[in-house]
Amino acid sequence: MRRRGFTMVELTTGLSVMMFVVLGSLSLLAYGVRFYGKTYSKTNLNTGNEQGLRRIIETLRSATSVAINSDGTVITYTLPKLNTTNDAVTGEKELADPVVSDGVVRTFTVNFTTGKVTDSSSGRVIVKNVTRTDPEPTSSQYNQQYVPFQMTSIGSIKGVTVNLITLEKTSSGTNYLRLKTTTVVRNSP
């Protein structure tokens, strides 16, 4: 009679193969967890700061006057005056015709010490983790300072370029986001 079972060589081979499968699976799991953390951090950084940039651009687009300080870190603006009565169709207050300033001076200020962009009209921080220098080693402006707000012209119309670089350090490395866009100032003379 022959005994049924596995030989020592068969058991060792089977366990070795099983060990490689388990180690491979654990390695993939660890990579997935690291990738998830990095992606979550980037998404979190991008979402809040892109919304802040959108708010700056939409506000400046409707401004009646815009001025930028000498180092480009403070932009001062005024908004159009609104009618005192609500529009019968929309139910909202419309712009006064002709368009004139409401006389309230507001600012967006970039503070590189705190890494924040603040809105003087609400006192809120609208962009976080702003860095003063370009951190991208492959950039032509690597380790150089940049100007956050610049006046420009688009044809004969005034425009503003907003350029912000945000930086966040995480356990999986350093993530940065470049936010740059240009808008026309529609109500500016």
N, C-alpha and C. Protein backbone atom coordinates (compact mmCIF):
# COMPACT_ATOMS: atom_id res chain seq x y z
N MET A 1 0.82 -1.19 0.00
CA MET A 1 0.00 0.00 0.00
C MET A 1 0.86 1.24 0.00
N ARG A 2 0.38 2.16 -0.80
CA ARG A 2 1.11 3.43 -0.90
C ARG A 2 0.35 4.49 -0.12
N ARG A 3 1.07 5.30 0.66
CA ARG A 3 0.43 6.37 1.41
C ARG A 3 0.22 7.58 0.51
N ARG A 4 -0.95 8.17 0.68
CA ARG A 4 -1.24 9.37 -0.11
C ARG A 4 -0.83 10.59 0.71
N GLY A 5 -0.25 11.61 0.02
CA GLY A 5 0.17 12.85 0.68
C GLY A 5 1.16 13.58 -0.21
N PHE A 6 1.75 14.59 0.37
CA PHE A 6 2.70 15.40 -0.38
C PHE A 6 4.09 15.15 0.16
N THR A 7 5.03 15.23 -0.73
CA THR A 7 6.43 15.10 -0.30
C THR A 7 6.90 16.45 0.23
N MET A 8 8.01 16.43 0.90
CA MET A 8 8.57 17.66 1.45
C MET A 8 8.91 18.65 0.34
N VAL A 9 9.39 18.19 -0.78
CA VAL A 9 9.74 19.05 -1.91
C VAL A 9 8.47 19.72 -2.45
N GLU A 10 7.40 18.99 -2.57
CA GLU A 10 6.14 19.55 -3.07
C GLU A 10 5.59 20.61 -2.09
N LEU A 11 5.64 20.32 -0.80
CA LEU A 11 5.18 21.29 0.19
C LEU A 11 6.02 22.56 0.16
N THR A 12 7.33 22.42 0.09
CA THR A 12 8.23 23.59 0.06
C THR A 12 7.98 24.41 -1.20
N THR A 13 7.82 23.76 -2.32
CA THR A 13 7.56 24.47 -3.57
C THR A 13 6.22 25.20 -3.51
N GLY A 14 5.22 24.54 -3.02
CA GLY A 14 3.89 25.16 -2.91
C GLY A 14 3.89 26.35 -1.98
N LEU A 15 4.55 26.21 -0.84
CA LEU A 15 4.63 27.32 0.11
C LEU A 15 5.44 28.49 -0.45
N SER A 16 6.48 28.18 -1.20
CA SER A 16 7.29 29.25 -1.82
C SER A 16 6.46 30.04 -2.82
N VAL A 17 5.71 29.34 -3.65
CA VAL A 17 4.86 30.02 -4.63
C VAL A 17 3.81 30.86 -3.91
N MET A 18 3.20 30.30 -2.88
CA MET A 18 2.18 31.02 -2.12
C MET A 18 2.79 32.26 -1.45
N MET A 19 4.02 32.16 -0.96
CA MET A 19 4.68 33.28 -0.32
C MET A 19 4.91 34.40 -1.34
N PHE A 20 5.34 34.08 -2.55
CA PHE A 20 5.54 35.10 -3.58
C PHE A 20 4.22 35.77 -3.96
N VAL A 21 3.15 35.03 -4.03
CA VAL A 21 1.83 35.60 -4.34
C VAL A 21 1.39 36.56 -3.23
N VAL A 22 1.56 36.16 -1.97
CA VAL A 22 1.17 37.01 -0.85
C VAL A 22 2.04 38.26 -0.80
N LEU A 23 3.35 38.11 -0.95
CA LEU A 23 4.26 39.28 -0.93
C LEU A 23 3.95 40.22 -2.09
N GLY A 24 3.67 39.68 -3.25
CA GLY A 24 3.31 40.52 -4.40
C GLY A 24 2.02 41.29 -4.14
N SER A 25 1.04 40.61 -3.55
CA SER A 25 -0.23 41.26 -3.23
C SER A 25 -0.04 42.36 -2.19
N LEU A 26 0.77 42.12 -1.17
CA LEU A 26 1.04 43.14 -0.16
C LEU A 26 1.78 44.33 -0.75
N SER A 27 2.69 44.05 -1.66
CA SER A 27 3.41 45.13 -2.32
C SER A 27 2.47 46.00 -3.14
N LEU A 28 1.56 45.37 -3.88
CA LEU A 28 0.57 46.13 -4.64
C LEU A 28 -0.35 46.93 -3.73
N LEU A 29 -0.73 46.35 -2.60
CA LEU A 29 -1.59 47.05 -1.65
C LEU A 29 -0.87 48.28 -1.07
N ALA A 30 0.39 48.12 -0.70
CA ALA A 30 1.16 49.24 -0.15
C ALA A 30 1.31 50.35 -1.19
N TYR A 31 1.58 49.99 -2.44
CA TYR A 31 1.69 50.97 -3.52
C TYR A 31 0.35 51.70 -3.71
N GLY A 32 -0.74 50.96 -3.67
CA GLY A 32 -2.07 51.56 -3.82
C GLY A 32 -2.39 52.55 -2.71
N VAL A 33 -2.02 52.22 -1.48
CA VAL A 33 -2.26 53.11 -0.35
C VAL A 33 -1.44 54.39 -0.50
N ARG A 34 -0.17 54.28 -0.90
CA ARG A 34 0.66 55.46 -1.12
C ARG A 34 0.11 56.32 -2.25
N PHE A 35 -0.30 55.69 -3.34
CA PHE A 35 -0.84 56.41 -4.49
C PHE A 35 -2.14 57.11 -4.12
N TYR A 36 -2.99 56.45 -3.34
CA TYR A 36 -4.24 57.05 -2.89
C TYR A 36 -3.96 58.29 -2.05
N GLY A 37 -3.01 58.20 -1.12
CA GLY A 37 -2.67 59.34 -0.27
C GLY A 37 -2.17 60.52 -1.08
N LYS A 38 -1.33 60.26 -2.05
CA LYS A 38 -0.79 61.32 -2.89
C LYS A 38 -1.89 61.95 -3.74
N THR A 39 -2.74 61.14 -4.31
CA THR A 39 -3.84 61.64 -5.14
C THR A 39 -4.82 62.44 -4.30
N TYR A 40 -5.15 61.96 -3.11
CA TYR A 40 -6.07 62.67 -2.23
C TYR A 40 -5.50 64.03 -1.86
N SER A 41 -4.21 64.08 -1.54
CA SER A 41 -3.57 65.34 -1.18
C SER A 41 -3.61 66.33 -2.34
N LYS A 42 -3.29 65.85 -3.54
CA LYS A 42 -3.31 66.74 -4.71
C LYS A 42 -4.72 67.24 -5.00
N THR A 43 -5.69 66.37 -4.91
CA THR A 43 -7.07 66.76 -5.17
C THR A 43 -7.54 67.78 -4.15
N ASN A 44 -7.21 67.56 -2.90
CA ASN A 44 -7.59 68.47 -1.83
C ASN A 44 -6.95 69.84 -2.05
N LEU A 45 -5.68 69.87 -2.39
CA LEU A 45 -4.95 71.11 -2.64
C LEU A 45 -5.54 71.82 -3.85
N ASN A 46 -5.79 71.08 -4.92
CA ASN A 46 -6.30 71.67 -6.15
C ASN A 46 -7.68 72.27 -5.99
N THR A 47 -8.59 71.53 -5.39
CA THR A 47 -9.99 71.95 -5.33
C THR A 47 -10.16 73.29 -4.62
N GLY A 48 -9.64 73.40 -3.42
CA GLY A 48 -9.81 74.65 -2.66
C GLY A 48 -9.13 75.83 -3.32
N ASN A 49 -7.92 75.63 -3.81
CA ASN A 49 -7.19 76.74 -4.40
C ASN A 49 -7.72 77.14 -5.77
N GLU A 50 -8.23 76.19 -6.55
CA GLU A 50 -8.83 76.55 -7.83
C GLU A 50 -10.11 77.34 -7.61
N GLN A 51 -10.86 77.02 -6.59
CA GLN A 51 -12.06 77.80 -6.27
C GLN A 51 -11.69 79.21 -5.85
N GLY A 52 -10.61 79.35 -5.09
CA GLY A 52 -10.13 80.67 -4.68
C GLY A 52 -9.70 81.50 -5.88
N LEU A 53 -8.97 80.89 -6.81
CA LEU A 53 -8.55 81.59 -8.02
C LEU A 53 -9.77 82.01 -8.83
N ARG A 54 -10.75 81.14 -8.95
CA ARG A 54 -11.98 81.46 -9.69
C ARG A 54 -12.68 82.66 -9.05
N ARG A 55 -12.70 82.71 -7.73
CA ARG A 55 -13.34 83.84 -7.05
C ARG A 55 -12.59 85.14 -7.34
N ILE A 56 -11.27 85.11 -7.31
CA ILE A 56 -10.48 86.31 -7.62
C ILE A 56 -10.78 86.78 -9.04
N ILE A 57 -10.75 85.87 -9.99
CA ILE A 57 -10.96 86.23 -11.40
C ILE A 57 -12.36 86.77 -11.64
N GLU A 58 -13.37 86.12 -11.10
CA GLU A 58 -14.75 86.58 -11.31
C GLU A 58 -14.97 87.95 -10.68
N THR A 59 -14.34 88.21 -9.55
CA THR A 59 -14.48 89.51 -8.90
C THR A 59 -13.79 90.59 -9.72
N LEU A 60 -12.55 90.32 -10.15
CA LEU A 60 -11.80 91.33 -10.91
C LEU A 60 -12.42 91.58 -12.28
N ARG A 61 -13.05 90.57 -12.85
CA ARG A 61 -13.67 90.73 -14.17
C ARG A 61 -14.75 91.82 -14.14
N SER A 62 -15.47 91.93 -13.03
CA SER A 62 -16.54 92.91 -12.95
C SER A 62 -16.11 94.23 -12.31
N ALA A 63 -14.84 94.39 -11.97
CA ALA A 63 -14.36 95.60 -11.29
C ALA A 63 -14.46 96.84 -12.19
N THR A 64 -14.60 98.01 -11.53
CA THR A 64 -14.60 99.28 -12.28
C THR A 64 -13.22 99.91 -12.30
N SER A 65 -12.40 99.61 -11.31
CA SER A 65 -11.02 100.09 -11.31
C SER A 65 -10.13 99.04 -10.63
N VAL A 66 -8.90 98.95 -11.12
CA VAL A 66 -7.95 97.98 -10.59
C VAL A 66 -6.58 98.64 -10.51
N ALA A 67 -5.89 98.45 -9.38
CA ALA A 67 -4.53 98.94 -9.21
C ALA A 67 -3.72 97.87 -8.49
N ILE A 68 -2.45 97.76 -8.86
CA ILE A 68 -1.57 96.74 -8.26
C ILE A 68 -0.37 97.45 -7.66
N ASN A 69 0.06 97.02 -6.45
CA ASN A 69 1.22 97.65 -5.82
C ASN A 69 2.50 97.27 -6.58
N SER A 70 3.61 97.88 -6.18
CA SER A 70 4.86 97.75 -6.94
C SER A 70 5.43 96.33 -6.99
N ASP A 71 5.24 95.53 -5.94
CA ASP A 71 5.78 94.16 -5.98
C ASP A 71 4.75 93.13 -6.42
N GLY A 72 3.54 93.58 -6.77
CA GLY A 72 2.53 92.69 -7.33
C GLY A 72 1.86 91.77 -6.32
N THR A 73 1.92 92.10 -5.04
CA THR A 73 1.32 91.23 -4.03
C THR A 73 -0.04 91.71 -3.54
N VAL A 74 -0.41 92.95 -3.86
CA VAL A 74 -1.70 93.49 -3.44
C VAL A 74 -2.40 94.09 -4.66
N ILE A 75 -3.63 93.66 -4.88
CA ILE A 75 -4.43 94.24 -5.95
C ILE A 75 -5.62 94.93 -5.30
N THR A 76 -5.78 96.20 -5.63
CA THR A 76 -6.86 97.02 -5.09
C THR A 76 -7.89 97.24 -6.18
N TYR A 77 -9.16 97.12 -5.84
CA TYR A 77 -10.21 97.25 -6.85
C TYR A 77 -11.49 97.82 -6.25
N THR A 78 -12.34 98.34 -7.12
CA THR A 78 -13.69 98.76 -6.73
C THR A 78 -14.67 98.06 -7.65
N LEU A 79 -15.86 97.85 -7.14
CA LEU A 79 -16.91 97.18 -7.90
C LEU A 79 -17.95 98.18 -8.38
N PRO A 80 -18.77 97.81 -9.36
CA PRO A 80 -19.79 98.73 -9.85
C PRO A 80 -20.91 98.95 -8.82
N LYS A 81 -21.49 100.12 -8.91
CA LYS A 81 -22.61 100.46 -8.04
C LYS A 81 -23.85 99.72 -8.54
N LEU A 82 -24.68 99.26 -7.60
CA LEU A 82 -25.92 98.57 -7.93
C LEU A 82 -27.11 99.51 -7.76
N ASN A 83 -28.17 99.28 -8.52
CA ASN A 83 -29.40 100.03 -8.34
C ASN A 83 -29.95 99.76 -6.95
N THR A 84 -30.75 100.68 -6.44
CA THR A 84 -31.32 100.50 -5.11
C THR A 84 -32.55 99.60 -5.11
N THR A 85 -33.15 99.41 -6.28
CA THR A 85 -34.35 98.57 -6.37
C THR A 85 -34.04 97.28 -7.13
N ASN A 86 -34.82 96.26 -6.86
CA ASN A 86 -34.64 94.98 -7.54
C ASN A 86 -35.27 95.03 -8.92
N ASP A 87 -34.66 94.30 -9.87
CA ASP A 87 -35.20 94.18 -11.21
C ASP A 87 -36.49 93.36 -11.16
N ALA A 88 -37.51 93.78 -11.92
CA ALA A 88 -38.81 93.10 -11.90
C ALA A 88 -38.73 91.68 -12.45
N VAL A 89 -37.84 91.45 -13.41
CA VAL A 89 -37.74 90.13 -14.05
C VAL A 89 -36.87 89.17 -13.25
N THR A 90 -35.67 89.61 -12.91
CA THR A 90 -34.72 88.71 -12.24
C THR A 90 -34.88 88.70 -10.72
N GLY A 91 -35.42 89.77 -10.15
CA GLY A 91 -35.55 89.86 -8.71
C GLY A 91 -34.25 90.24 -8.02
N GLU A 92 -33.22 90.58 -8.79
CA GLU A 92 -31.92 90.94 -8.23
C GLU A 92 -31.63 92.40 -8.51
N LYS A 93 -30.69 92.93 -7.77
CA LYS A 93 -30.25 94.30 -8.02
C LYS A 93 -29.31 94.29 -9.22
N GLU A 94 -29.61 95.12 -10.19
CA GLU A 94 -28.81 95.21 -11.41
C GLU A 94 -27.79 96.33 -11.28
N LEU A 95 -26.81 96.38 -12.20
CA LEU A 95 -25.83 97.44 -12.21
C LEU A 95 -26.48 98.76 -12.58
N ALA A 96 -26.00 99.83 -11.96
CA ALA A 96 -26.49 101.17 -12.31
C ALA A 96 -26.05 101.49 -13.73
N ASP A 97 -26.87 102.24 -14.43
CA ASP A 97 -26.54 102.62 -15.81
C ASP A 97 -26.49 104.13 -15.87
N PRO A 98 -25.37 104.74 -16.18
CA PRO A 98 -24.10 104.17 -16.62
C PRO A 98 -23.34 103.54 -15.44
N VAL A 99 -22.40 102.65 -15.78
CA VAL A 99 -21.63 101.94 -14.77
C VAL A 99 -20.68 102.92 -14.08
N VAL A 100 -20.82 102.99 -12.75
CA VAL A 100 -19.93 103.81 -11.92
C VAL A 100 -19.50 102.98 -10.72
N SER A 101 -18.43 103.40 -10.09
CA SER A 101 -17.90 102.69 -8.94
C SER A 101 -18.81 102.88 -7.72
N ASP A 102 -18.83 101.86 -6.86
CA ASP A 102 -19.59 101.99 -5.61
C ASP A 102 -18.78 102.73 -4.55
N GLY A 103 -17.51 103.03 -4.84
CA GLY A 103 -16.67 103.81 -3.95
C GLY A 103 -16.02 103.02 -2.82
N VAL A 104 -16.28 101.73 -2.72
CA VAL A 104 -15.69 100.90 -1.66
C VAL A 104 -14.41 100.26 -2.20
N VAL A 105 -13.29 100.56 -1.54
CA VAL A 105 -12.00 100.02 -1.96
C VAL A 105 -11.80 98.66 -1.30
N ARG A 106 -11.51 97.66 -2.12
CA ARG A 106 -11.30 96.30 -1.64
C ARG A 106 -9.94 95.82 -2.12
N THR A 107 -9.41 94.77 -1.48
CA THR A 107 -8.11 94.24 -1.90
C THR A 107 -8.08 92.72 -1.83
N PHE A 108 -7.23 92.15 -2.67
CA PHE A 108 -6.76 90.78 -2.51
C PHE A 108 -5.28 90.91 -2.18
N THR A 109 -4.85 90.27 -1.10
CA THR A 109 -3.46 90.41 -0.65
C THR A 109 -2.81 89.04 -0.56
N VAL A 110 -1.62 88.92 -1.17
CA VAL A 110 -0.82 87.70 -1.08
C VAL A 110 0.23 87.93 0.00
N ASN A 111 0.22 87.08 1.03
CA ASN A 111 1.20 87.16 2.11
C ASN A 111 2.05 85.89 2.04
N PHE A 112 3.27 86.04 1.57
CA PHE A 112 4.14 84.87 1.39
C PHE A 112 4.65 84.33 2.72
N THR A 113 4.66 85.15 3.77
CA THR A 113 5.09 84.68 5.09
C THR A 113 4.11 83.64 5.63
N THR A 114 2.82 83.94 5.51
CA THR A 114 1.80 83.00 5.99
C THR A 114 1.36 82.03 4.90
N GLY A 115 1.68 82.35 3.64
CA GLY A 115 1.29 81.49 2.52
C GLY A 115 -0.19 81.59 2.19
N LYS A 116 -0.79 82.77 2.44
CA LYS A 116 -2.23 82.90 2.23
C LYS A 116 -2.57 84.10 1.35
N VAL A 117 -3.67 83.97 0.61
CA VAL A 117 -4.25 85.09 -0.12
C VAL A 117 -5.56 85.41 0.58
N THR A 118 -5.71 86.68 1.02
CA THR A 118 -6.91 87.07 1.75
C THR A 118 -7.71 88.09 0.96
N ASP A 119 -9.00 88.08 1.22
CA ASP A 119 -9.95 88.99 0.60
C ASP A 119 -10.38 89.99 1.66
N SER A 120 -10.10 91.28 1.44
CA SER A 120 -10.42 92.29 2.47
C SER A 120 -11.91 92.50 2.64
N SER A 121 -12.70 92.23 1.61
CA SER A 121 -14.14 92.47 1.73
C SER A 121 -14.82 91.48 2.67
N SER A 122 -14.28 90.26 2.76
CA SER A 122 -14.88 89.27 3.66
C SER A 122 -13.93 88.89 4.80
N GLY A 123 -12.65 89.21 4.66
CA GLY A 123 -11.67 88.83 5.67
C GLY A 123 -11.27 87.36 5.60
N ARG A 124 -11.75 86.66 4.58
CA ARG A 124 -11.50 85.23 4.46
C ARG A 124 -10.21 84.94 3.71
N VAL A 125 -9.62 83.79 4.04
CA VAL A 125 -8.48 83.26 3.28
C VAL A 125 -9.07 82.50 2.10
N ILE A 126 -8.66 82.87 0.89
CA ILE A 126 -9.25 82.21 -0.28
C ILE A 126 -8.29 81.28 -1.01
N VAL A 127 -6.99 81.44 -0.80
CA VAL A 127 -6.00 80.51 -1.34
C VAL A 127 -4.97 80.27 -0.24
N LYS A 128 -4.59 78.99 -0.04
CA LYS A 128 -3.65 78.62 1.02
C LYS A 128 -2.37 78.04 0.42
N ASN A 129 -1.33 78.01 1.23
CA ASN A 129 -0.05 77.37 0.91
C ASN A 129 0.64 77.98 -0.30
N VAL A 130 0.55 79.31 -0.46
CA VAL A 130 1.19 79.99 -1.58
C VAL A 130 2.68 80.11 -1.27
N THR A 131 3.50 79.77 -2.25
CA THR A 131 4.95 79.85 -2.08
C THR A 131 5.50 81.01 -2.91
N ARG A 132 6.62 81.56 -2.48
CA ARG A 132 7.21 82.75 -3.14
C ARG A 132 8.06 82.39 -4.34
N THR A 133 8.62 81.19 -4.34
CA THR A 133 9.52 80.80 -5.43
C THR A 133 8.97 79.60 -6.18
N ASP A 134 9.38 79.47 -7.41
CA ASP A 134 8.95 78.37 -8.26
C ASP A 134 9.71 77.10 -7.85
N PRO A 135 9.01 76.05 -7.36
CA PRO A 135 9.69 74.86 -6.85
C PRO A 135 9.97 73.78 -7.89
N GLU A 136 9.54 73.97 -9.11
CA GLU A 136 9.68 72.94 -10.14
C GLU A 136 11.09 72.95 -10.74
N PRO A 137 11.88 71.89 -10.52
CA PRO A 137 13.26 71.85 -11.03
C PRO A 137 13.36 71.93 -12.55
N THR A 138 12.34 71.50 -13.28
CA THR A 138 12.41 71.54 -14.74
C THR A 138 11.92 72.87 -15.31
N SER A 139 11.44 73.78 -14.45
CA SER A 139 10.93 75.07 -14.90
C SER A 139 12.08 76.00 -15.26
N SER A 140 11.85 76.89 -16.22
CA SER A 140 12.87 77.87 -16.58
C SER A 140 13.03 78.93 -15.49
N GLN A 141 12.07 79.02 -14.58
CA GLN A 141 12.14 79.99 -13.49
C GLN A 141 12.33 79.31 -12.14
N TYR A 142 12.98 78.15 -12.16
CA TYR A 142 13.20 77.37 -10.94
C TYR A 142 13.90 78.21 -9.88
N ASN A 143 13.38 78.16 -8.66
CA ASN A 143 13.94 78.85 -7.49
C ASN A 143 13.96 80.37 -7.62
N GLN A 144 13.19 80.91 -8.55
CA GLN A 144 13.12 82.36 -8.71
C GLN A 144 11.77 82.85 -8.19
N GLN A 145 11.75 84.11 -7.75
CA GLN A 145 10.51 84.70 -7.27
C GLN A 145 9.64 85.10 -8.46
N TYR A 146 8.34 85.09 -8.27
CA TYR A 146 7.42 85.47 -9.32
C TYR A 146 6.47 86.54 -8.80
N VAL A 147 5.76 87.20 -9.71
CA VAL A 147 4.83 88.27 -9.36
C VAL A 147 3.41 87.71 -9.42
N PRO A 148 2.66 87.75 -8.31
CA PRO A 148 1.31 87.16 -8.30
C PRO A 148 0.28 87.91 -9.16
N PHE A 149 0.29 89.25 -9.12
CA PHE A 149 -0.67 90.03 -9.89
C PHE A 149 0.07 90.95 -10.86
N GLN A 150 -0.37 90.96 -12.11
CA GLN A 150 0.23 91.84 -13.12
C GLN A 150 -0.87 92.43 -13.99
N MET A 151 -0.71 93.72 -14.33
CA MET A 151 -1.62 94.35 -15.28
C MET A 151 -1.18 93.95 -16.68
N THR A 152 -2.14 93.80 -17.55
CA THR A 152 -1.86 93.46 -18.94
C THR A 152 -2.93 94.13 -19.79
N SER A 153 -2.76 94.06 -21.07
CA SER A 153 -3.81 94.58 -21.95
C SER A 153 -4.13 93.51 -22.98
N ILE A 154 -5.40 93.42 -23.27
CA ILE A 154 -5.87 92.49 -24.28
C ILE A 154 -6.51 93.36 -25.35
N GLY A 155 -5.74 93.65 -26.38
CA GLY A 155 -6.17 94.65 -27.35
C GLY A 155 -6.14 95.99 -26.66
N SER A 156 -7.25 96.71 -26.68
CA SER A 156 -7.32 98.00 -26.01
C SER A 156 -8.00 97.90 -24.65
N ILE A 157 -8.27 96.68 -24.19
CA ILE A 157 -8.97 96.46 -22.93
C ILE A 157 -7.97 96.11 -21.83
N LYS A 158 -8.19 96.66 -20.64
CA LYS A 158 -7.34 96.33 -19.49
C LYS A 158 -7.58 94.89 -19.08
N GLY A 159 -6.52 94.27 -18.62
CA GLY A 159 -6.63 92.91 -18.12
C GLY A 159 -5.73 92.72 -16.92
N VAL A 160 -5.95 91.62 -16.20
CA VAL A 160 -5.14 91.27 -15.03
C VAL A 160 -4.73 89.81 -15.16
N THR A 161 -3.45 89.55 -14.94
CA THR A 161 -2.95 88.18 -14.89
C THR A 161 -2.71 87.81 -13.43
N VAL A 162 -3.29 86.71 -13.02
CA VAL A 162 -3.10 86.20 -11.65
C VAL A 162 -2.26 84.93 -11.76
N ASN A 163 -1.15 84.90 -11.04
CA ASN A 163 -0.21 83.79 -11.10
C ASN A 163 0.13 83.39 -9.67
N LEU A 164 -0.31 82.21 -9.26
CA LEU A 164 -0.04 81.72 -7.91
C LEU A 164 0.51 80.30 -7.99
N ILE A 165 1.49 80.00 -7.15
CA ILE A 165 2.03 78.64 -7.05
C ILE A 165 1.84 78.20 -5.61
N THR A 166 1.13 77.09 -5.43
CA THR A 166 0.89 76.59 -4.08
C THR A 166 1.71 75.32 -3.86
N LEU A 167 2.08 75.10 -2.62
CA LEU A 167 2.98 74.01 -2.26
C LEU A 167 2.47 73.35 -0.99
N GLU A 168 2.44 72.02 -1.00
CA GLU A 168 2.00 71.29 0.19
C GLU A 168 2.91 70.09 0.39
N LYS A 169 3.45 69.96 1.58
CA LYS A 169 4.31 68.82 1.90
C LYS A 169 3.46 67.75 2.57
N THR A 170 3.59 66.53 2.07
CA THR A 170 2.85 65.40 2.63
C THR A 170 3.82 64.28 2.92
N SER A 171 3.32 63.21 3.49
CA SER A 171 4.17 62.06 3.80
C SER A 171 4.67 61.39 2.52
N SER A 172 3.93 61.57 1.43
CA SER A 172 4.34 60.94 0.17
C SER A 172 5.18 61.85 -0.70
N GLY A 173 5.50 63.05 -0.22
CA GLY A 173 6.34 63.97 -1.00
C GLY A 173 5.75 65.38 -1.00
N THR A 174 6.26 66.19 -1.90
CA THR A 174 5.82 67.57 -2.01
C THR A 174 4.96 67.72 -3.26
N ASN A 175 3.76 68.28 -3.07
CA ASN A 175 2.86 68.53 -4.19
C ASN A 175 2.77 70.03 -4.40
N TYR A 176 2.78 70.47 -5.64
CA TYR A 176 2.59 71.87 -5.92
C TYR A 176 1.60 72.02 -7.07
N LEU A 177 1.00 73.20 -7.13
CA LEU A 177 -0.01 73.48 -8.13
C LEU A 177 0.23 74.88 -8.67
N ARG A 178 0.29 74.99 -9.98
CA ARG A 178 0.41 76.30 -10.62
C ARG A 178 -0.97 76.78 -11.01
N LEU A 179 -1.30 77.98 -10.56
CA LEU A 179 -2.57 78.60 -10.90
C LEU A 179 -2.27 79.89 -11.65
N LYS A 180 -2.57 79.93 -12.93
CA LYS A 180 -2.29 81.13 -13.71
C LYS A 180 -3.41 81.33 -14.72
N THR A 181 -3.95 82.54 -14.72
CA THR A 181 -4.98 82.88 -15.70
C THR A 181 -5.01 84.40 -15.89
N THR A 182 -5.59 84.81 -16.99
CA THR A 182 -5.73 86.23 -17.31
C THR A 182 -7.19 86.52 -17.57
N THR A 183 -7.66 87.66 -17.10
CA THR A 183 -9.03 88.07 -17.33
C THR A 183 -9.08 89.52 -17.75
N VAL A 184 -10.11 89.87 -18.50
CA VAL A 184 -10.33 91.28 -18.84
C VAL A 184 -11.08 91.93 -17.69
N VAL A 185 -10.91 93.24 -17.54
CA VAL A 185 -11.64 94.02 -16.56
C VAL A 185 -12.74 94.71 -17.35
N ARG A 186 -13.93 94.14 -17.36
CA ARG A 186 -15.01 94.55 -18.25
C ARG A 186 -15.51 95.98 -18.02
N ASN A 187 -15.64 96.40 -16.79
CA ASN A 187 -16.26 97.70 -16.49
C ASN A 187 -15.26 98.82 -16.28
N SER A 188 -14.00 98.55 -16.57
CA SER A 188 -12.97 99.58 -16.40
C SER A 188 -12.96 100.50 -17.61
N PRO A 189 -12.79 101.83 -17.36
CA PRO A 189 -12.76 102.75 -18.51
C PRO A 189 -11.53 102.61 -19.36
